[in-house]
Amino acid sequence: MAKEVRNIRRQVLPHGLTVITERMEHIRSASIGIWLETGSRDEDPHWNGISHFIEHMVFKGTKHRSAEEIARQVDSIGGNMDAFTAKECICFNVKVLDEHIPVALEILCDLVLHPVFDAQDITRERGVILEEIKMDEDNPDYLVHEIFTQSFWKDHPLGKPILGTKETVKRFERQSVLDAYAHRFAPGNIIVAAAGNLDHDRFVELVAKHFEHIKPAKNGFHSAEPKIVPRIVLRNKKALEQVQLCIGVPSHPIAHEKRHASYILNTLLGGGMSSRLFQNIRERQGLAYSIYSDLNPYRDTGCLAVYAGTSLASAAKVVQSVISEFRTLKTTPVPEDELRRSKDQLKGGLMLSLESSSARMSNLARQKMYFDRFYDLDELIEKIEAVTADDLHSLANQFFRTELVAVTALGNLNGLKVSRDQLAC
């Protein structure tokens, strides 16, 4: 396979804002993202959900455009504009044909730099977000993860919902939104990333022009490392047909040196149709339609969690089967052919995930945030290839310990019991 050299350049502007571009000459699109290195974990509990609220509000109108004009202008260049809030970042992004880069960047910067936060819009948007919260609470898969997260990082902002709660969202008024916005949008906290058919110097010039009036500031976000509380939480919700299960253990932070072994461990445990959980619990035993495992790493902590939806009659059996997979990974070395398959699956997924300009754009921003350097594919593949069965064995013994297993069960539980003894691995 030919080596792929990524054409990445970065520049820090005088007031601290970082611009990163990756040139992809073989495509006709470009994706631009304005990233804030702060998310819901940096919120005061009283204002939980305000980052996500601000992300919604900037689309409601700026000093130069109404909400409708924003939508119309993006549509008129065939662009795709979006935004999201996560626990550790907020991102506003747009994808367009390369010829529309200047216009798209101008609209995006206008949203982020000149929102008006109209009081009536704020009242209306509170209603929209309260509906969004209700919609999520009606989704059992989402809800079980949310309850799990809240007890896993109990009493820490990382455990709080990104959307906030009905109580906190009702508090949002114009002044609190303005304060939170002013606090977050400091140039030392902003990354502008772009990937696609673009010219780095020209792009930096455009960004510098839009951001020239911003005063240098650092805002020192970075909440303390959360303590992990591995509890067993059984939550009754009579209306549900299925019992939703989340079974998780603490794992490494995002930039940990052993992260590549964690990815492989997660892949062979529950990352796809050939994984042990899928093959054993769905295919052999027929106990669940949906079962998978997920790695959620953050700046200073992480969680490896297994999700399953099953019947009340099978719930205890599913817990037992998951725990027995944990145990097997601790006692029995992973066979060479399975290790090979997991590595290839992970490598394939990585390569496919970097095909689009939008994926590369977010990859640039995340690498800057967490590693402050850029890895090319060959380097990642080398790291994945270097992982041995011994590495997985010692990682499993570190992660899967009886006292560290947290469980959340949600549904019509009707006397379901889960004790620490049942989690012995």
Protein backbone atom coordinates (compact mmCIF):
# COMPACT_ATOMS: atom_id res chain seq x y z
CA MET A 1 0.00 0.00 0.00
CA ALA A 2 1.36 3.42 -0.91
CA LYS A 3 2.22 5.61 2.05
CA GLU A 4 -0.25 8.40 2.51
CA VAL A 5 1.31 11.66 3.58
CA ARG A 6 -1.26 14.02 5.01
CA ASN A 7 -0.92 17.60 3.87
CA ILE A 8 -1.60 19.26 7.23
CA ARG A 9 -0.61 22.78 8.22
CA ARG A 10 -1.33 24.77 11.32
CA GLN A 11 -0.90 28.33 12.43
CA VAL A 12 -1.57 30.11 15.70
CA LEU A 13 -2.83 33.67 15.28
CA PRO A 14 -1.43 36.42 17.54
CA HIS A 15 -4.44 36.34 19.89
CA GLY A 16 -4.15 32.58 20.42
CA LEU A 17 -6.68 31.12 17.99
CA THR A 18 -5.39 28.01 16.16
CA VAL A 19 -6.07 27.41 12.46
CA ILE A 20 -5.46 23.93 11.04
CA THR A 21 -6.01 22.82 7.45
CA GLU A 22 -5.59 19.61 5.52
CA ARG A 23 -5.46 19.85 1.76
CA MET A 24 -7.31 17.07 -0.13
CA GLU A 25 -6.75 17.80 -3.80
CA HIS A 26 -8.75 14.88 -5.16
CA ILE A 27 -12.14 16.13 -3.96
CA ARG A 28 -14.35 19.11 -4.75
CA SER A 29 -15.71 19.76 -1.27
CA ALA A 30 -14.40 21.44 1.83
CA SER A 31 -15.50 21.16 5.45
CA ILE A 32 -14.92 23.94 7.94
CA GLY A 33 -15.42 23.69 11.69
CA ILE A 34 -15.15 26.23 14.46
CA TRP A 35 -14.38 24.25 17.63
CA LEU A 36 -14.50 25.40 21.23
CA GLU A 37 -12.32 23.42 23.62
CA THR A 38 -15.00 23.41 26.27
CA GLY A 39 -18.23 21.48 26.64
CA SER A 40 -20.87 20.45 29.12
CA ARG A 41 -18.32 19.14 31.65
CA ASP A 42 -17.16 22.72 32.24
CA GLU A 43 -20.58 23.95 33.34
CA ASP A 44 -21.65 24.98 36.79
CA PRO A 45 -24.27 22.38 37.86
CA HIS A 46 -26.79 25.22 38.27
CA TRP A 47 -26.42 26.03 34.54
CA ASN A 48 -26.21 22.45 33.27
CA GLY A 49 -27.10 22.42 29.56
CA ILE A 50 -26.15 26.02 28.77
CA SER A 51 -23.39 25.09 26.26
CA HIS A 52 -25.91 23.12 24.20
CA PHE A 53 -28.40 25.99 24.56
CA ILE A 54 -25.85 28.48 23.17
CA GLU A 55 -25.13 26.09 20.28
CA HIS A 56 -28.85 26.23 19.38
CA MET A 57 -29.19 29.98 19.92
CA VAL A 58 -26.49 31.12 17.49
CA PHE A 59 -28.64 29.81 14.63
CA LYS A 60 -31.51 32.08 15.71
CA GLY A 61 -30.02 35.21 14.23
CA THR A 62 -26.97 37.48 14.21
CA LYS A 63 -26.40 41.22 13.97
CA HIS A 64 -26.39 40.77 10.18
CA ARG A 65 -28.81 37.92 9.44
CA SER A 66 -32.12 36.53 10.62
CA ALA A 67 -32.50 32.78 11.25
CA GLU A 68 -34.28 32.46 7.91
CA GLU A 69 -31.55 34.32 6.02
CA ILE A 70 -28.92 32.03 7.55
CA ALA A 71 -30.82 28.96 6.35
CA ARG A 72 -31.53 30.45 2.93
CA GLN A 73 -27.95 31.53 2.26
CA VAL A 74 -26.51 28.16 3.24
CA ASP A 75 -29.07 26.38 1.02
CA SER A 76 -28.34 28.72 -1.88
CA ILE A 77 -24.72 27.50 -2.02
CA GLY A 78 -25.83 23.87 -1.56
CA GLY A 79 -24.10 23.76 1.79
CA ASN A 80 -24.68 21.64 4.84
CA MET A 81 -24.47 23.47 8.14
CA ASP A 82 -24.62 21.82 11.52
CA ALA A 83 -23.46 22.03 15.11
CA PHE A 84 -23.15 19.77 18.14
CA THR A 85 -22.25 19.98 21.79
CA ALA A 86 -20.27 17.24 23.51
CA LYS A 87 -18.90 16.82 27.02
CA GLU A 88 -15.56 18.41 26.14
CA CYS A 89 -16.18 20.52 23.03
CA ILE A 90 -18.70 22.47 20.96
CA CYS A 91 -18.46 22.49 17.17
CA PHE A 92 -20.10 24.62 14.47
CA ASN A 93 -19.46 23.26 11.00
CA VAL A 94 -20.31 23.61 7.34
CA LYS A 95 -19.57 21.53 4.25
CA VAL A 96 -19.61 23.16 0.80
CA LEU A 97 -18.14 22.98 -2.69
CA ASP A 98 -14.61 24.39 -2.68
CA GLU A 99 -15.62 27.51 -4.66
CA HIS A 100 -17.96 28.57 -1.83
CA ILE A 101 -15.38 28.50 0.99
CA PRO A 102 -15.22 32.30 1.53
CA VAL A 103 -19.02 32.69 1.76
CA ALA A 104 -19.44 29.62 3.96
CA LEU A 105 -16.70 30.75 6.34
CA GLU A 106 -18.21 34.23 6.52
CA ILE A 107 -21.66 32.85 7.47
CA LEU A 108 -20.15 30.46 10.04
CA CYS A 109 -18.07 33.22 11.64
CA ASP A 110 -21.09 35.51 11.70
CA LEU A 111 -23.06 32.89 13.67
CA VAL A 112 -20.30 32.26 16.15
CA LEU A 113 -19.11 35.85 16.60
CA HIS A 114 -22.24 38.02 16.29
CA PRO A 115 -25.26 36.20 17.75
CA VAL A 116 -27.96 38.52 19.13
CA PHE A 117 -29.51 36.15 21.71
CA ASP A 118 -32.92 37.79 21.41
CA ALA A 119 -34.98 37.38 24.62
CA GLN A 120 -38.09 36.13 22.76
CA ASP A 121 -36.00 33.59 20.84
CA ILE A 122 -34.55 32.39 24.13
CA THR A 123 -38.03 31.80 25.56
CA ARG A 124 -39.06 29.91 22.41
CA GLU A 125 -35.87 27.85 22.30
CA ARG A 126 -36.27 26.79 25.93
CA GLY A 127 -39.54 25.17 24.84
CA VAL A 128 -37.79 23.42 21.93
CA ILE A 129 -35.08 22.01 24.21
CA LEU A 130 -37.60 20.84 26.81
CA GLU A 131 -39.26 18.87 23.98
CA GLU A 132 -35.84 17.51 22.96
CA ILE A 133 -35.29 16.34 26.56
CA LYS A 134 -38.70 14.61 26.58
CA MET A 135 -37.96 12.96 23.24
CA ASP A 136 -34.69 11.57 24.63
CA GLU A 137 -36.40 10.35 27.79
CA ASP A 138 -38.83 8.44 25.59
CA ASN A 139 -35.88 6.65 23.99
CA PRO A 140 -34.94 3.80 26.37
CA ASP A 141 -31.53 3.12 24.80
CA TYR A 142 -30.58 6.78 25.35
CA LEU A 143 -32.12 6.88 28.82
CA VAL A 144 -30.26 3.85 30.19
CA HIS A 145 -26.92 5.34 29.05
CA GLU A 146 -27.83 8.67 30.64
CA ILE A 147 -28.73 7.07 34.00
CA PHE A 148 -25.59 4.93 33.83
CA THR A 149 -23.34 7.95 33.13
CA GLN A 150 -24.90 10.02 35.90
CA SER A 151 -24.20 7.39 38.53
CA PHE A 152 -20.78 6.37 37.10
CA TRP A 153 -19.44 9.94 37.41
CA LYS A 154 -21.74 10.84 40.27
CA ASP A 155 -21.77 14.48 41.40
CA HIS A 156 -19.36 15.51 38.64
CA PRO A 157 -20.30 17.67 35.62
CA LEU A 158 -19.06 14.88 33.32
CA GLY A 159 -21.96 12.76 34.55
CA LYS A 160 -24.57 15.43 33.85
CA PRO A 161 -26.65 15.41 30.64
CA ILE A 162 -25.41 17.56 27.75
CA LEU A 163 -28.95 18.88 27.21
CA GLY A 164 -29.36 19.84 30.86
CA THR A 165 -32.49 19.00 32.83
CA LYS A 166 -36.00 20.43 32.83
CA GLU A 167 -35.08 22.39 35.98
CA THR A 168 -31.86 23.91 34.65
CA VAL A 169 -33.15 24.74 31.16
CA LYS A 170 -36.09 26.68 32.63
CA ARG A 171 -33.54 29.03 34.29
CA PHE A 172 -31.90 30.18 31.06
CA GLU A 173 -32.45 33.92 30.52
CA ARG A 174 -30.68 36.36 28.22
CA GLN A 175 -28.13 37.49 30.80
CA SER A 176 -27.07 33.98 31.83
CA VAL A 177 -26.71 33.03 28.15
CA LEU A 178 -24.62 36.13 27.41
CA ASP A 179 -22.37 35.47 30.42
CA ALA A 180 -21.80 31.83 29.51
CA TYR A 181 -21.15 32.79 25.88
CA ALA A 182 -18.62 35.51 26.78
CA HIS A 183 -16.81 33.10 29.08
CA ARG A 184 -16.51 30.35 26.46
CA PHE A 185 -15.58 32.23 23.30
CA ALA A 186 -11.97 33.08 24.15
CA PRO A 187 -9.51 32.80 21.23
CA GLY A 188 -7.12 30.60 23.22
CA ASN A 189 -10.03 28.20 23.40
CA ILE A 190 -10.92 28.17 19.69
CA ILE A 191 -9.73 25.95 16.85
CA VAL A 192 -10.76 26.62 13.26
CA ALA A 193 -10.21 23.42 11.30
CA ALA A 194 -10.77 22.85 7.60
CA ALA A 195 -10.18 19.96 5.21
CA GLY A 196 -10.74 19.67 1.49
CA ASN A 197 -9.71 21.39 -1.69
CA LEU A 198 -8.39 24.60 -0.16
CA ASP A 199 -5.32 26.77 0.08
CA HIS A 200 -3.90 27.08 3.60
CA ASP A 201 -2.49 30.63 3.39
CA ARG A 202 -5.62 32.01 1.78
CA PHE A 203 -7.80 30.30 4.38
CA VAL A 204 -5.71 31.62 7.32
CA GLU A 205 -6.02 35.12 5.87
CA LEU A 206 -9.83 34.84 5.79
CA VAL A 207 -10.02 33.47 9.33
CA ALA A 208 -7.68 36.17 10.66
CA LYS A 209 -9.87 38.86 9.09
CA HIS A 210 -13.09 37.54 10.67
CA PHE A 211 -11.54 37.11 14.11
CA GLU A 212 -9.29 40.19 14.19
CA HIS A 213 -11.46 42.11 16.70
CA ILE A 214 -11.30 39.40 19.39
CA LYS A 215 -9.25 40.18 22.50
CA PRO A 216 -6.71 37.56 23.58
CA ALA A 217 -7.99 35.59 26.55
CA LYS A 218 -7.57 32.20 28.13
CA ASN A 219 -10.44 30.95 30.22
CA GLY A 220 -8.79 28.22 32.23
CA PHE A 221 -11.57 25.67 31.88
CA HIS A 222 -10.70 22.17 32.98
CA SER A 223 -12.84 20.71 35.69
CA ALA A 224 -11.15 18.37 38.14
CA GLU A 225 -10.81 14.69 37.37
CA PRO A 226 -14.01 12.85 38.29
CA LYS A 227 -14.13 10.07 40.86
CA ILE A 228 -15.70 6.89 39.56
CA VAL A 229 -18.51 5.30 41.54
CA PRO A 230 -19.27 1.76 40.28
CA ARG A 231 -22.82 1.32 41.55
CA ILE A 232 -25.68 -1.01 40.76
CA VAL A 233 -28.71 1.06 39.76
CA LEU A 234 -32.10 -0.55 39.13
CA ARG A 235 -34.65 1.90 37.74
CA ASN A 236 -38.26 0.88 37.24
CA LYS A 237 -40.07 2.11 34.13
CA LYS A 238 -43.28 0.11 33.81
CA ALA A 239 -44.10 1.19 30.25
CA LEU A 240 -41.02 -0.44 28.71
CA GLU A 241 -41.31 -3.78 26.92
CA GLN A 242 -37.62 -4.59 27.31
CA VAL A 243 -35.09 -4.40 30.11
CA GLN A 244 -32.27 -2.06 29.05
CA LEU A 245 -28.88 -2.95 30.51
CA CYS A 246 -25.63 -1.02 30.75
CA ILE A 247 -22.63 -2.80 32.27
CA GLY A 248 -19.42 -0.80 32.41
CA VAL A 249 -15.95 -0.47 33.90
CA PRO A 250 -13.46 2.41 34.13
CA SER A 251 -11.02 2.60 31.19
CA HIS A 252 -8.14 4.83 30.08
CA PRO A 253 -8.29 8.54 29.20
CA ILE A 254 -8.24 9.47 25.52
CA ALA A 255 -4.49 10.07 25.11
CA HIS A 256 -3.29 7.09 27.20
CA GLU A 257 -0.30 5.23 25.77
CA LYS A 258 -2.20 1.91 25.88
CA ARG A 259 -5.22 3.27 24.02
CA HIS A 260 -4.64 1.10 20.94
CA ALA A 261 -4.95 -2.05 23.03
CA SER A 262 -8.22 -0.71 24.50
CA TYR A 263 -9.63 -0.20 20.99
CA ILE A 264 -8.81 -3.78 20.07
CA LEU A 265 -10.19 -5.13 23.35
CA ASN A 266 -13.43 -3.22 22.74
CA THR A 267 -13.63 -4.42 19.12
CA LEU A 268 -13.33 -8.09 19.93
CA LEU A 269 -15.59 -7.82 22.97
CA GLY A 270 -18.52 -6.03 21.38
CA GLY A 271 -17.59 -4.03 18.30
CA GLY A 272 -19.56 -5.62 15.50
CA MET A 273 -21.14 -8.84 14.30
CA SER A 274 -18.13 -11.09 14.77
CA SER A 275 -17.57 -9.85 18.34
CA ARG A 276 -17.84 -12.22 21.30
CA LEU A 277 -20.89 -10.55 22.81
CA PHE A 278 -22.83 -10.57 19.52
CA GLN A 279 -21.91 -14.14 18.68
CA ASN A 280 -22.55 -15.51 22.14
CA ILE A 281 -25.53 -13.53 23.44
CA ARG A 282 -27.41 -12.86 20.22
CA GLU A 283 -26.42 -15.65 17.84
CA ARG A 284 -25.87 -18.63 20.18
CA GLN A 285 -28.27 -17.88 23.01
CA GLY A 286 -30.78 -15.63 21.21
CA LEU A 287 -31.14 -13.43 24.30
CA ALA A 288 -30.92 -9.96 22.72
CA TYR A 289 -31.46 -8.26 19.38
CA SER A 290 -29.14 -5.38 20.16
CA ILE A 291 -25.90 -5.86 22.07
CA TYR A 292 -22.61 -4.02 21.71
CA SER A 293 -19.76 -2.46 23.69
CA ASP A 294 -18.49 1.07 23.48
CA LEU A 295 -15.34 2.90 24.54
CA ASN A 296 -15.94 6.42 25.89
CA PRO A 297 -12.63 8.08 26.65
CA TYR A 298 -12.31 11.65 27.93
CA ARG A 299 -9.46 13.99 28.84
CA ASP A 300 -8.81 12.44 32.25
CA THR A 301 -10.99 9.35 32.53
CA GLY A 302 -12.86 6.79 30.45
CA CYS A 303 -15.45 4.06 30.45
CA LEU A 304 -15.85 0.77 28.59
CA ALA A 305 -19.55 -0.11 28.62
CA VAL A 306 -21.69 -2.94 27.28
CA TYR A 307 -25.27 -2.24 26.24
CA ALA A 308 -28.04 -4.82 25.76
CA GLY A 309 -31.81 -4.79 25.39
CA THR A 310 -33.49 -8.02 26.54
CA SER A 311 -36.58 -9.49 28.20
CA LEU A 312 -37.11 -9.49 31.95
CA ALA A 313 -36.87 -13.29 31.92
CA SER A 314 -33.44 -13.17 30.26
CA ALA A 315 -31.94 -10.12 32.01
CA ALA A 316 -30.07 -12.01 34.73
CA LYS A 317 -28.76 -14.46 32.13
CA VAL A 318 -27.48 -11.60 29.95
CA VAL A 319 -25.65 -10.01 32.92
CA GLN A 320 -24.13 -13.40 33.73
CA SER A 321 -23.05 -13.94 30.10
CA VAL A 322 -21.43 -10.50 29.83
CA ILE A 323 -19.53 -11.03 33.09
CA SER A 324 -18.37 -14.43 31.88
CA GLU A 325 -16.95 -12.78 28.72
CA PHE A 326 -15.03 -10.39 31.01
CA ARG A 327 -13.72 -13.39 32.94
CA THR A 328 -12.64 -15.28 29.81
CA LEU A 329 -10.66 -12.26 28.58
CA LYS A 330 -8.80 -12.25 31.91
CA THR A 331 -8.00 -15.96 31.99
CA THR A 332 -7.66 -17.15 28.39
CA PRO A 333 -5.26 -15.59 25.88
CA VAL A 334 -6.94 -14.21 22.75
CA PRO A 335 -6.28 -16.61 19.83
CA GLU A 336 -4.02 -15.29 17.07
CA ASP A 337 -6.70 -15.42 14.34
CA GLU A 338 -9.20 -13.43 16.43
CA LEU A 339 -6.54 -10.84 17.24
CA ARG A 340 -5.74 -10.56 13.52
CA ARG A 341 -9.43 -10.13 12.65
CA SER A 342 -9.96 -7.41 15.27
CA LYS A 343 -6.90 -5.50 14.07
CA ASP A 344 -8.07 -5.65 10.45
CA GLN A 345 -11.58 -4.58 11.43
CA LEU A 346 -10.21 -1.62 13.36
CA LYS A 347 -7.82 -0.62 10.55
CA GLY A 348 -10.58 -0.88 7.94
CA GLY A 349 -12.88 1.25 10.05
CA LEU A 350 -10.15 3.86 10.53
CA MET A 351 -9.39 4.13 6.83
CA LEU A 352 -13.04 4.32 5.83
CA SER A 353 -13.66 6.92 8.51
CA LEU A 354 -11.12 9.29 6.96
CA GLU A 355 -12.57 9.30 3.43
CA SER A 356 -14.70 12.43 3.74
CA SER A 357 -13.59 16.02 4.21
CA SER A 358 -15.86 16.40 7.25
CA ALA A 359 -14.31 13.38 9.00
CA ARG A 360 -10.80 14.71 8.35
CA MET A 361 -11.79 18.14 9.59
CA SER A 362 -12.99 16.77 12.94
CA ASN A 363 -10.01 14.45 13.12
CA LEU A 364 -7.70 17.52 12.88
CA ALA A 365 -9.51 19.36 15.66
CA ARG A 366 -9.61 16.36 18.00
CA GLN A 367 -5.93 15.55 17.47
CA LYS A 368 -5.04 19.14 18.26
CA MET A 369 -7.24 19.10 21.38
CA TYR A 370 -6.04 15.83 22.86
CA PHE A 371 -2.56 15.20 21.45
CA ASP A 372 -1.35 18.56 20.15
CA ARG A 373 0.13 16.72 17.16
CA PHE A 374 -1.14 14.88 14.09
CA TYR A 375 -0.89 11.17 13.48
CA ASP A 376 -0.96 9.83 9.97
CA LEU A 377 -2.58 6.55 9.10
CA ASP A 378 0.69 4.60 8.86
CA GLU A 379 1.63 5.55 12.38
CA LEU A 380 -1.78 4.50 13.73
CA ILE A 381 -1.64 1.21 11.86
CA GLU A 382 1.83 0.53 13.24
CA LYS A 383 0.52 1.10 16.79
CA ILE A 384 -2.46 -1.20 16.21
CA GLU A 385 -0.21 -3.89 14.70
CA ALA A 386 2.11 -3.72 17.72
CA VAL A 387 -0.62 -4.80 20.18
CA THR A 388 -0.11 -8.37 21.40
CA ALA A 389 -2.33 -10.98 23.06
CA ASP A 390 -0.32 -10.34 26.25
CA ASP A 391 -1.22 -6.64 26.12
CA LEU A 392 -4.92 -7.54 25.92
CA HIS A 393 -4.57 -10.02 28.76
CA SER A 394 -3.01 -7.49 31.12
CA LEU A 395 -5.51 -4.80 30.07
CA ALA A 396 -8.45 -7.15 30.75
CA ASN A 397 -7.03 -7.86 34.21
CA GLN A 398 -6.77 -4.15 34.85
CA PHE A 399 -10.27 -3.24 33.59
CA PHE A 400 -12.48 -6.17 34.58
CA ARG A 401 -12.46 -6.29 38.36
CA THR A 402 -15.52 -7.24 40.38
CA GLU A 403 -15.45 -4.12 42.53
CA LEU A 404 -15.19 -1.83 39.45
CA VAL A 405 -18.19 -3.14 37.50
CA ALA A 406 -21.13 -0.70 37.35
CA VAL A 407 -24.58 -1.82 36.22
CA THR A 408 -27.73 0.07 35.31
CA ALA A 409 -30.96 -1.74 34.51
CA LEU A 410 -34.02 0.14 33.26
CA GLY A 411 -37.45 -1.29 32.54
CA ASN A 412 -40.36 -3.13 34.09
CA LEU A 413 -38.00 -4.82 36.53
CA ASN A 414 -40.60 -6.64 38.58
CA GLY A 415 -38.31 -8.04 41.26
CA LEU A 416 -35.10 -8.26 39.18
CA LYS A 417 -32.12 -8.37 41.54
CA VAL A 418 -28.48 -7.76 40.66
CA SER A 419 -25.93 -8.22 43.43
CA ARG A 420 -22.16 -7.59 43.53
CA ASP A 421 -21.67 -11.40 43.80
CA GLN A 422 -23.25 -11.84 40.38
CA LEU A 423 -20.60 -9.49 38.97
CA ALA A 424 -17.66 -11.53 40.19
CA CYS A 425 -15.17 -11.67 37.35
